[in-house]
Amino acid sequence: ITSGGTTNYADSVKGRFTILRENTKNTVYLQMS
């Protein structure tokens, strides 16, 4: 995920994983389902 919020995913995880970013905390998350 870029600083502007643009995301990219590997084909193997598309639709199942979500990447999120909280800039104020310099934190990135990977939600996996």
Full PDB file with SEQRES, HELIX, SHEET, SSBOND, CRYST1, ORIGX, SCALE, CONECT and MASTER records, all heavy atoms in Angstrom:
SEQRES   1 A   33  ILE THR SER GLY GLY THR THR ASN TYR ALA ASP SER VAL          
SEQRES   2 A   33  LYS GLY ARG PHE THR ILE LEU ARG GLU ASN THR LYS ASN          
SEQRES   3 A   33  THR VAL TYR LEU GLN MET SER                                  
HELIX    1 AA1 ASN A   23  LYS A   25  5                                   3    
SHEET    1 AA1 2 PHE A  17  GLU A  22  0                                        
SHEET    2 AA1 2 THR A  27  MET A  32 -1                                        
CRYST1    1.000    1.000    1.000  90.00  90.00  90.00 P 1           1          
ORIGX1      1.000000  0.000000  0.000000        0.00000                         
ORIGX2      0.000000  1.000000  0.000000        0.00000                         
ORIGX3      0.000000  0.000000  1.000000        0.00000                         
SCALE1      1.000000  0.000000  0.000000        0.00000                         
SCALE2      0.000000  1.000000  0.000000        0.00000                         
SCALE3      0.000000  0.000000  1.000000        0.00000                         
ATOM      1  N   ILE A   1       0.852  -1.175   0.000  1.00  0.00           N  
ATOM      2  CA  ILE A   1       0.000   0.000   0.000  1.00  0.00           C  
ATOM      3  C   ILE A   1       0.890   1.228   0.000  1.00  0.00           C  
ATOM      4  O   ILE A   1       1.855   1.321   0.752  1.00  0.00           O  
ATOM      5  CB  ILE A   1      -0.975  -0.016   1.204  1.00  0.00           C  
ATOM      6  CG1 ILE A   1      -1.919   1.182   1.148  1.00  0.00           C  
ATOM      7  CG2 ILE A   1      -0.223  -0.078   2.528  1.00  0.00           C  
ATOM      8  CD1 ILE A   1      -3.080   1.060   2.133  1.00  0.00           C  
ATOM      9  N   THR A   2       0.576   2.181  -0.853  1.00  0.00           N  
ATOM     10  CA  THR A   2       1.360   3.401  -0.952  1.00  0.00           C  
ATOM     11  C   THR A   2       0.914   4.403   0.096  1.00  0.00           C  
ATOM     12  O   THR A   2      -0.084   4.221   0.782  1.00  0.00           O  
ATOM     13  CB  THR A   2       1.236   4.030  -2.342  1.00  0.00           C  
ATOM     14  OG1 THR A   2      -0.096   4.544  -2.513  1.00  0.00           O  
ATOM     15  CG2 THR A   2       1.519   3.010  -3.439  1.00  0.00           C  
ATOM     16  N   SER A   3       1.661   5.487   0.194  1.00  0.00           N  
ATOM     17  CA  SER A   3       1.307   6.540   1.132  1.00  0.00           C  
ATOM     18  C   SER A   3      -0.040   7.167   0.810  1.00  0.00           C  
ATOM     19  O   SER A   3      -0.704   7.700   1.705  1.00  0.00           O  
ATOM     20  CB  SER A   3       2.391   7.625   1.145  1.00  0.00           C  
ATOM     21  OG  SER A   3       2.568   8.182  -0.146  1.00  0.00           O  
ATOM     22  N   GLY A   4      -0.454   7.104  -0.456  1.00  0.00           N  
ATOM     23  CA  GLY A   4      -1.742   7.629  -0.867  1.00  0.00           C  
ATOM     24  C   GLY A   4      -2.884   6.647  -0.774  1.00  0.00           C  
ATOM     25  O   GLY A   4      -4.027   7.005  -1.072  1.00  0.00           O  
ATOM     26  N   GLY A   5      -2.593   5.406  -0.382  1.00  0.00           N  
ATOM     27  CA  GLY A   5      -3.633   4.416  -0.197  1.00  0.00           C  
ATOM     28  C   GLY A   5      -3.847   3.465  -1.357  1.00  0.00           C  
ATOM     29  O   GLY A   5      -4.760   2.633  -1.308  1.00  0.00           O  
ATOM     30  N   THR A   6      -3.039   3.549  -2.400  1.00  0.00           N  
ATOM     31  CA  THR A   6      -3.150   2.617  -3.516  1.00  0.00           C  
ATOM     32  C   THR A   6      -2.627   1.248  -3.101  1.00  0.00           C  
ATOM     33  O   THR A   6      -1.546   1.139  -2.529  1.00  0.00           O  
ATOM     34  CB  THR A   6      -2.370   3.126  -4.727  1.00  0.00           C  
ATOM     35  OG1 THR A   6      -2.889   4.399  -5.130  1.00  0.00           O  
ATOM     36  CG2 THR A   6      -2.499   2.158  -5.897  1.00  0.00           C  
ATOM     37  N   THR A   7      -3.391   0.206  -3.414  1.00  0.00           N  
ATOM     38  CA  THR A   7      -3.029  -1.145  -2.996  1.00  0.00           C  
ATOM     39  C   THR A   7      -2.759  -2.053  -4.180  1.00  0.00           C  
ATOM     40  O   THR A   7      -3.273  -1.856  -5.283  1.00  0.00           O  
ATOM     41  CB  THR A   7      -4.141  -1.768  -2.143  1.00  0.00           C  
ATOM     42  OG1 THR A   7      -5.356  -1.807  -2.906  1.00  0.00           O  
ATOM     43  CG2 THR A   7      -4.374  -0.957  -0.884  1.00  0.00           C  
ATOM     44  N   ASN A   8      -1.946  -3.066  -3.931  1.00  0.00           N  
ATOM     45  CA  ASN A   8      -1.673  -4.126  -4.882  1.00  0.00           C  
ATOM     46  C   ASN A   8      -1.602  -5.441  -4.127  1.00  0.00           C  
ATOM     47  O   ASN A   8      -1.109  -5.489  -3.005  1.00  0.00           O  
ATOM     48  CB  ASN A   8      -0.362  -3.894  -5.630  1.00  0.00           C  
ATOM     49  CG  ASN A   8      -0.383  -2.670  -6.506  1.00  0.00           C  
ATOM     50  OD1 ASN A   8       0.015  -1.585  -6.086  1.00  0.00           O  
ATOM     51  ND2 ASN A   8      -0.859  -2.834  -7.740  1.00  0.00           N  
ATOM     52  N   TYR A   9      -2.077  -6.509  -4.776  1.00  0.00           N  
ATOM     53  CA  TYR A   9      -2.107  -7.818  -4.157  1.00  0.00           C  
ATOM     54  C   TYR A   9      -1.581  -8.876  -5.105  1.00  0.00           C  
ATOM     55  O   TYR A   9      -1.755  -8.784  -6.321  1.00  0.00           O  
ATOM     56  CB  TYR A   9      -3.531  -8.212  -3.760  1.00  0.00           C  
ATOM     57  CG  TYR A   9      -4.172  -7.314  -2.736  1.00  0.00           C  
ATOM     58  CD1 TYR A   9      -4.946  -6.234  -3.128  1.00  0.00           C  
ATOM     59  CD2 TYR A   9      -4.008  -7.555  -1.377  1.00  0.00           C  
ATOM     60  CE1 TYR A   9      -5.540  -5.407  -2.190  1.00  0.00           C  
ATOM     61  CE2 TYR A   9      -4.602  -6.739  -0.435  1.00  0.00           C  
ATOM     62  CZ  TYR A   9      -5.367  -5.663  -0.847  1.00  0.00           C  
ATOM     63  OH  TYR A   9      -5.959  -4.850   0.086  1.00  0.00           O  
ATOM     64  N   ALA A  10      -0.970  -9.896  -4.536  1.00  0.00           N  
ATOM     65  CA  ALA A  10      -0.644 -11.076  -5.310  1.00  0.00           C  
ATOM     66  C   ALA A  10      -1.931 -11.791  -5.700  1.00  0.00           C  
ATOM     67  O   ALA A  10      -2.921 -11.766  -4.964  1.00  0.00           O  
ATOM     68  CB  ALA A  10       0.244 -12.018  -4.498  1.00  0.00           C  
ATOM     69  N   ASP A  11      -1.924 -12.426  -6.864  1.00  0.00           N  
ATOM     70  CA  ASP A  11      -3.120 -13.118  -7.328  1.00  0.00           C  
ATOM     71  C   ASP A  11      -3.600 -14.172  -6.333  1.00  0.00           C  
ATOM     72  O   ASP A  11      -4.802 -14.407  -6.192  1.00  0.00           O  
ATOM     73  CB  ASP A  11      -2.861 -13.775  -8.680  1.00  0.00           C  
ATOM     74  CG  ASP A  11      -2.752 -12.772  -9.808  1.00  0.00           C  
ATOM     75  OD1 ASP A  11      -3.220 -11.633  -9.643  1.00  0.00           O  
ATOM     76  OD2 ASP A  11      -2.199 -13.130 -10.862  1.00  0.00           O  
ATOM     77  N   SER A  12      -2.686 -14.790  -5.641  1.00  0.00           N  
ATOM     78  CA  SER A  12      -3.026 -15.870  -4.735  1.00  0.00           C  
ATOM     79  C   SER A  12      -3.821 -15.420  -3.512  1.00  0.00           C  
ATOM     80  O   SER A  12      -4.439 -16.248  -2.842  1.00  0.00           O  
ATOM     81  CB  SER A  12      -1.758 -16.597  -4.275  1.00  0.00           C  
ATOM     82  OG  SER A  12      -0.875 -15.698  -3.628  1.00  0.00           O  
ATOM     83  N   VAL A  13      -3.813 -14.121  -3.224  1.00  0.00           N  
ATOM     84  CA  VAL A  13      -4.504 -13.631  -2.032  1.00  0.00           C  
ATOM     85  C   VAL A  13      -5.617 -12.648  -2.348  1.00  0.00           C  
ATOM     86  O   VAL A  13      -6.326 -12.211  -1.424  1.00  0.00           O  
ATOM     87  CB  VAL A  13      -3.517 -12.985  -1.035  1.00  0.00           C  
ATOM     88  CG1 VAL A  13      -2.390 -13.948  -0.706  1.00  0.00           C  
ATOM     89  CG2 VAL A  13      -2.963 -11.674  -1.594  1.00  0.00           C  
ATOM     90  N   LYS A  14      -5.808 -12.302  -3.590  1.00  0.00           N  
ATOM     91  CA  LYS A  14      -6.854 -11.354  -3.966  1.00  0.00           C  
ATOM     92  C   LYS A  14      -8.227 -11.858  -3.538  1.00  0.00           C  
ATOM     93  O   LYS A  14      -8.567 -13.022  -3.727  1.00  0.00           O  
ATOM     94  CB  LYS A  14      -6.845 -11.118  -5.476  1.00  0.00           C  
ATOM     95  CG  LYS A  14      -5.701 -10.254  -5.963  1.00  0.00           C  
ATOM     96  CD  LYS A  14      -5.779 -10.045  -7.468  1.00  0.00           C  
ATOM     97  CE  LYS A  14      -4.645  -9.171  -7.959  1.00  0.00           C  
ATOM     98  NZ  LYS A  14      -4.681  -9.004  -9.429  1.00  0.00           N  
ATOM     99  N   GLY A  15      -8.996 -10.965  -2.950  1.00  0.00           N  
ATOM    100  CA  GLY A  15     -10.321 -11.313  -2.474  1.00  0.00           C  
ATOM    101  C   GLY A  15     -10.347 -11.906  -1.090  1.00  0.00           C  
ATOM    102  O   GLY A  15     -11.424 -12.038  -0.496  1.00  0.00           O  
ATOM    103  N   ARG A  16      -9.191 -12.268  -0.562  1.00  0.00           N  
ATOM    104  CA  ARG A  16      -9.107 -12.870   0.765  1.00  0.00           C  
ATOM    105  C   ARG A  16      -8.332 -12.004   1.756  1.00  0.00           C  
ATOM    106  O   ARG A  16      -8.635 -12.003   2.945  1.00  0.00           O  
ATOM    107  CB  ARG A  16      -8.457 -14.251   0.692  1.00  0.00           C  
ATOM    108  CG  ARG A  16      -9.212 -15.234  -0.195  1.00  0.00           C  
ATOM    109  CD  ARG A  16      -8.636 -16.638  -0.088  1.00  0.00           C  
ATOM    110  NE  ARG A  16      -7.240 -16.692  -0.510  1.00  0.00           N  
ATOM    111  CZ  ARG A  16      -6.229 -17.034   0.277  1.00  0.00           C  
ATOM    112  NH1 ARG A  16      -6.452 -17.382   1.548  1.00  0.00           N  
ATOM    113  NH2 ARG A  16      -4.989 -17.072  -0.195  1.00  0.00           N  
ATOM    114  N   PHE A  17      -7.327 -11.304   1.268  1.00  0.00           N  
ATOM    115  CA  PHE A  17      -6.485 -10.458   2.119  1.00  0.00           C  
ATOM    116  C   PHE A  17      -6.780  -8.995   1.839  1.00  0.00           C  
ATOM    117  O   PHE A  17      -7.081  -8.605   0.702  1.00  0.00           O  
ATOM    118  CB  PHE A  17      -5.003 -10.716   1.856  1.00  0.00           C  
ATOM    119  CG  PHE A  17      -4.499 -12.056   2.315  1.00  0.00           C  
ATOM    120  CD1 PHE A  17      -5.360 -13.070   2.698  1.00  0.00           C  
ATOM    121  CD2 PHE A  17      -3.132 -12.293   2.351  1.00  0.00           C  
ATOM    122  CE1 PHE A  17      -4.879 -14.301   3.106  1.00  0.00           C  
ATOM    123  CE2 PHE A  17      -2.636 -13.516   2.758  1.00  0.00           C  
ATOM    124  CZ  PHE A  17      -3.508 -14.523   3.139  1.00  0.00           C  
ATOM    125  N   THR A  18      -6.661  -8.181   2.866  1.00  0.00           N  
ATOM    126  CA  THR A  18      -6.799  -6.738   2.741  1.00  0.00           C  
ATOM    127  C   THR A  18      -5.660  -6.053   3.471  1.00  0.00           C  
ATOM    128  O   THR A  18      -5.395  -6.362   4.634  1.00  0.00           O  
ATOM    129  CB  THR A  18      -8.138  -6.249   3.311  1.00  0.00           C  
ATOM    130  OG1 THR A  18      -9.225  -6.875   2.618  1.00  0.00           O  
ATOM    131  CG2 THR A  18      -8.269  -4.736   3.145  1.00  0.00           C  
ATOM    132  N   ILE A  19      -4.990  -5.146   2.793  1.00  0.00           N  
ATOM    133  CA  ILE A  19      -3.928  -4.384   3.423  1.00  0.00           C  
ATOM    134  C   ILE A  19      -4.457  -2.996   3.769  1.00  0.00           C  
ATOM    135  O   ILE A  19      -5.135  -2.353   2.968  1.00  0.00           O  
ATOM    136  CB  ILE A  19      -2.673  -4.310   2.532  1.00  0.00           C  
ATOM    137  CG1 ILE A  19      -1.510  -3.663   3.290  1.00  0.00           C  
ATOM    138  CG2 ILE A  19      -2.946  -3.598   1.219  1.00  0.00           C  
ATOM    139  CD1 ILE A  19      -0.168  -3.824   2.593  1.00  0.00           C  
ATOM    140  N   LEU A  20      -4.159  -2.561   4.971  1.00  0.00           N  
ATOM    141  CA  LEU A  20      -4.610  -1.278   5.480  1.00  0.00           C  
ATOM    142  C   LEU A  20      -3.429  -0.519   6.059  1.00  0.00           C  
ATOM    143  O   LEU A  20      -2.431  -1.117   6.449  1.00  0.00           O  
ATOM    144  CB  LEU A  20      -5.686  -1.454   6.556  1.00  0.00           C  
ATOM    145  CG  LEU A  20      -6.939  -2.230   6.178  1.00  0.00           C  
ATOM    146  CD1 LEU A  20      -7.776  -2.505   7.420  1.00  0.00           C  
ATOM    147  CD2 LEU A  20      -7.745  -1.459   5.150  1.00  0.00           C  
ATOM    148  N   ARG A  21      -3.586   0.787   6.152  1.00  0.00           N  
ATOM    149  CA  ARG A  21      -2.509   1.619   6.647  1.00  0.00           C  
ATOM    150  C   ARG A  21      -3.061   2.703   7.552  1.00  0.00           C  
ATOM    151  O   ARG A  21      -4.057   3.347   7.224  1.00  0.00           O  
ATOM    152  CB  ARG A  21      -1.755   2.230   5.464  1.00  0.00           C  
ATOM    153  CG  ARG A  21      -0.578   3.103   5.813  1.00  0.00           C  
ATOM    154  CD  ARG A  21       0.222   3.377   4.553  1.00  0.00           C  
ATOM    155  NE  ARG A  21       1.317   4.293   4.788  1.00  0.00           N  
ATOM    156  CZ  ARG A  21       2.307   4.510   3.935  1.00  0.00           C  
ATOM    157  NH1 ARG A  21       2.335   3.861   2.775  1.00  0.00           N  
ATOM    158  NH2 ARG A  21       3.259   5.376   4.237  1.00  0.00           N  
ATOM    159  N   GLU A  22      -2.405   2.901   8.683  1.00  0.00           N  
ATOM    160  CA  GLU A  22      -2.750   3.965   9.604  1.00  0.00           C  
ATOM    161  C   GLU A  22      -1.528   4.878   9.709  1.00  0.00           C  
ATOM    162  O   GLU A  22      -0.602   4.612  10.476  1.00  0.00           O  
ATOM    163  CB  GLU A  22      -3.134   3.395  10.969  1.00  0.00           C  
ATOM    164  CG  GLU A  22      -3.721   4.418  11.908  1.00  0.00           C  
ATOM    165  CD  GLU A  22      -4.295   3.788  13.168  1.00  0.00           C  
ATOM    166  OE1 GLU A  22      -4.241   2.557  13.305  1.00  0.00           O  
ATOM    167  OE2 GLU A  22      -4.805   4.534  14.010  1.00  0.00           O  
ATOM    168  N   ASN A  23      -1.539   5.938   8.942  1.00  0.00           N  
ATOM    169  CA  ASN A  23      -0.352   6.772   8.802  1.00  0.00           C  
ATOM    170  C   ASN A  23       0.049   7.479  10.092  1.00  0.00           C  
ATOM    171  O   ASN A  23       1.238   7.699  10.333  1.00  0.00           O  
ATOM    172  CB  ASN A  23      -0.562   7.808   7.696  1.00  0.00           C  
ATOM    173  CG  ASN A  23      -0.595   7.185   6.318  1.00  0.00           C  
ATOM    174  OD1 ASN A  23       0.071   6.187   6.060  1.00  0.00           O  
ATOM    175  ND2 ASN A  23      -1.369   7.777   5.414  1.00  0.00           N  
ATOM    176  N   THR A  24      -0.923   7.852  10.903  1.00  0.00           N  
ATOM    177  CA  THR A  24      -0.600   8.561  12.131  1.00  0.00           C  
ATOM    178  C   THR A  24       0.190   7.705  13.103  1.00  0.00           C  
ATOM    179  O   THR A  24       0.862   8.225  13.986  1.00  0.00           O  
ATOM    180  CB  THR A  24      -1.864   9.072  12.819  1.00  0.00           C  
ATOM    181  OG1 THR A  24      -2.752   7.977  13.076  1.00  0.00           O  
ATOM    182  CG2 THR A  24      -2.575  10.091  11.939  1.00  0.00           C  
ATOM    183  N   LYS A  25       0.103   6.397  12.941  1.00  0.00           N  
ATOM    184  CA  LYS A  25       0.830   5.468  13.800  1.00  0.00           C  
ATOM    185  C   LYS A  25       1.934   4.725  13.061  1.00  0.00           C  
ATOM    186  O   LYS A  25       2.549   3.827  13.635  1.00  0.00           O  
ATOM    187  CB  LYS A  25      -0.130   4.458  14.422  1.00  0.00           C  
ATOM    188  CG  LYS A  25      -1.140   5.074  15.379  1.00  0.00           C  
ATOM    189  CD  LYS A  25      -1.994   4.001  16.038  1.00  0.00           C  
ATOM    190  CE  LYS A  25      -2.944   4.604  17.052  1.00  0.00           C  
ATOM    191  NZ  LYS A  25      -3.774   3.563  17.718  1.00  0.00           N  
ATOM    192  N   ASN A  26       2.182   5.091  11.806  1.00  0.00           N  
ATOM    193  CA  ASN A  26       3.187   4.415  10.983  1.00  0.00           C  
ATOM    194  C   ASN A  26       2.986   2.905  10.995  1.00  0.00           C  
ATOM    195  O   ASN A  26       3.940   2.137  11.124  1.00  0.00           O  
ATOM    196  CB  ASN A  26       4.599   4.771  11.457  1.00  0.00           C  
ATOM    197  CG  ASN A  26       4.941   6.227  11.245  1.00  0.00           C  
ATOM    198  OD1 ASN A  26       4.409   6.880  10.345  1.00  0.00           O  
ATOM    199  ND2 ASN A  26       5.835   6.752  12.055  1.00  0.00           N  
ATOM    200  N   THR A  27       1.751   2.504  10.847  1.00  0.00           N  
ATOM    201  CA  THR A  27       1.389   1.104  10.990  1.00  0.00           C  
ATOM    202  C   THR A  27       0.699   0.581   9.737  1.00  0.00           C  
ATOM    203  O   THR A  27      -0.129   1.275   9.141  1.00  0.00           O  
ATOM    204  CB  THR A  27       0.464   0.903  12.196  1.00  0.00           C  
ATOM    205  OG1 THR A  27       1.125   1.354  13.379  1.00  0.00           O  
ATOM    206  CG2 THR A  27       0.100  -0.562  12.364  1.00  0.00           C  
ATOM    207  N   VAL A  28       1.040  -0.637   9.358  1.00  0.00           N  
ATOM    208  CA  VAL A  28       0.376  -1.320   8.264  1.00  0.00           C  
ATOM    209  C   VAL A  28      -0.196  -2.626   8.802  1.00  0.00           C  
ATOM    210  O   VAL A  28       0.401  -3.279   9.664  1.00  0.00           O  
ATOM    211  CB  VAL A  28       1.331  -1.577   7.081  1.00  0.00           C  
ATOM    212  CG1 VAL A  28       2.466  -2.515   7.477  1.00  0.00           C  
ATOM    213  CG2 VAL A  28       0.569  -2.125   5.880  1.00  0.00           C  
ATOM    214  N   TYR A  29      -1.369  -2.992   8.295  1.00  0.00           N  
ATOM    215  CA  TYR A  29      -2.051  -4.198   8.711  1.00  0.00           C  
ATOM    216  C   TYR A  29      -2.280  -5.104   7.508  1.00  0.00           C  
ATOM    217  O   TYR A  29      -2.455  -4.638   6.392  1.00  0.00           O  
ATOM    218  CB  TYR A  29      -3.407  -3.887   9.341  1.00  0.00           C  
ATOM    219  CG  TYR A  29      -3.361  -2.905  10.483  1.00  0.00           C  
ATOM    220  CD1 TYR A  29      -3.524  -1.542  10.253  1.00  0.00           C  
ATOM    221  CD2 TYR A  29      -3.160  -3.335  11.790  1.00  0.00           C  
ATOM    222  CE1 TYR A  29      -3.488  -0.634  11.292  1.00  0.00           C  
ATOM    223  CE2 TYR A  29      -3.128  -2.433  12.834  1.00  0.00           C  
ATOM    224  CZ  TYR A  29      -3.292  -1.084  12.585  1.00  0.00           C  
ATOM    225  OH  TYR A  29      -3.257  -0.190  13.623  1.00  0.00           O  
ATOM    226  N   LEU A  30      -2.324  -6.381   7.765  1.00  0.00           N  
ATOM    227  CA  LEU A  30      -2.724  -7.348   6.758  1.00  0.00           C  
ATOM    228  C   LEU A  30      -3.853  -8.185   7.343  1.00  0.00           C  
ATOM    229  O   LEU A  30      -3.619  -9.028   8.212  1.00  0.00           O  
ATOM    230  CB  LEU A  30      -1.561  -8.247   6.344  1.00  0.00           C  
ATOM    231  CG  LEU A  30      -1.851  -9.213   5.194  1.00  0.00           C  
ATOM    232  CD1 LEU A  30      -2.091  -8.444   3.895  1.00  0.00           C  
ATOM    233  CD2 LEU A  30      -0.709 -10.209   5.015  1.00  0.00           C  
ATOM    234  N   GLN A  31      -5.067  -7.930   6.881  1.00  0.00           N  
ATOM    235  CA  GLN A  31      -6.229  -8.684   7.302  1.00  0.00           C  
ATOM    236  C   GLN A  31      -6.365  -9.892   6.392  1.00  0.00           C  
ATOM    237  O   GLN A  31      -6.520  -9.741   5.183  1.00  0.00           O  
ATOM    238  CB  GLN A  31      -7.488  -7.829   7.244  1.00  0.00           C  
ATOM    239  CG  GLN A  31      -7.474  -6.638   8.189  1.00  0.00           C  
ATOM    240  CD  GLN A  31      -8.727  -5.797   8.077  1.00  0.00           C  
ATOM    241  OE1 GLN A  31      -9.379  -5.742   7.037  1.00  0.00           O  
ATOM    242  NE2 GLN A  31      -9.079  -5.119   9.167  1.00  0.00           N  
ATOM    243  N   MET A  32      -6.332 -11.065   6.975  1.00  0.00           N  
ATOM    244  CA  MET A  32      -6.363 -12.303   6.218  1.00  0.00           C  
ATOM    245  C   MET A  32      -7.607 -13.091   6.595  1.00  0.00           C  
ATOM    246  O   MET A  32      -7.869 -13.313   7.775  1.00  0.00           O  
ATOM    247  CB  MET A  32      -5.111 -13.137   6.495  1.00  0.00           C  
ATOM    248  CG  MET A  32      -3.808 -12.398   6.226  1.00  0.00           C  
ATOM    249  SD  MET A  32      -2.353 -13.443   6.512  1.00  0.00           S  
ATOM    250  CE  MET A  32      -2.475 -13.676   8.288  1.00  0.00           C  
ATOM    251  N   SER A  33      -8.351 -13.520   5.596  1.00  0.00           N  
ATOM    252  CA  SER A  33      -9.539 -14.319   5.812  1.00  0.00           C  
ATOM    253  C   SER A  33      -9.558 -15.481   4.829  1.00  0.00           C  
ATOM    254  O   SER A  33      -8.771 -15.522   3.884  1.00  0.00           O  
ATOM    255  CB  SER A  33     -10.808 -13.468   5.665  1.00  0.00           C  
ATOM    256  OG  SER A  33     -10.925 -12.946   4.354  1.00  0.00           O  
TER     257      SER A  33                                                      
MASTER        0    0    0    1    2    0    0    6  256    1    0    3          
END                                                                             
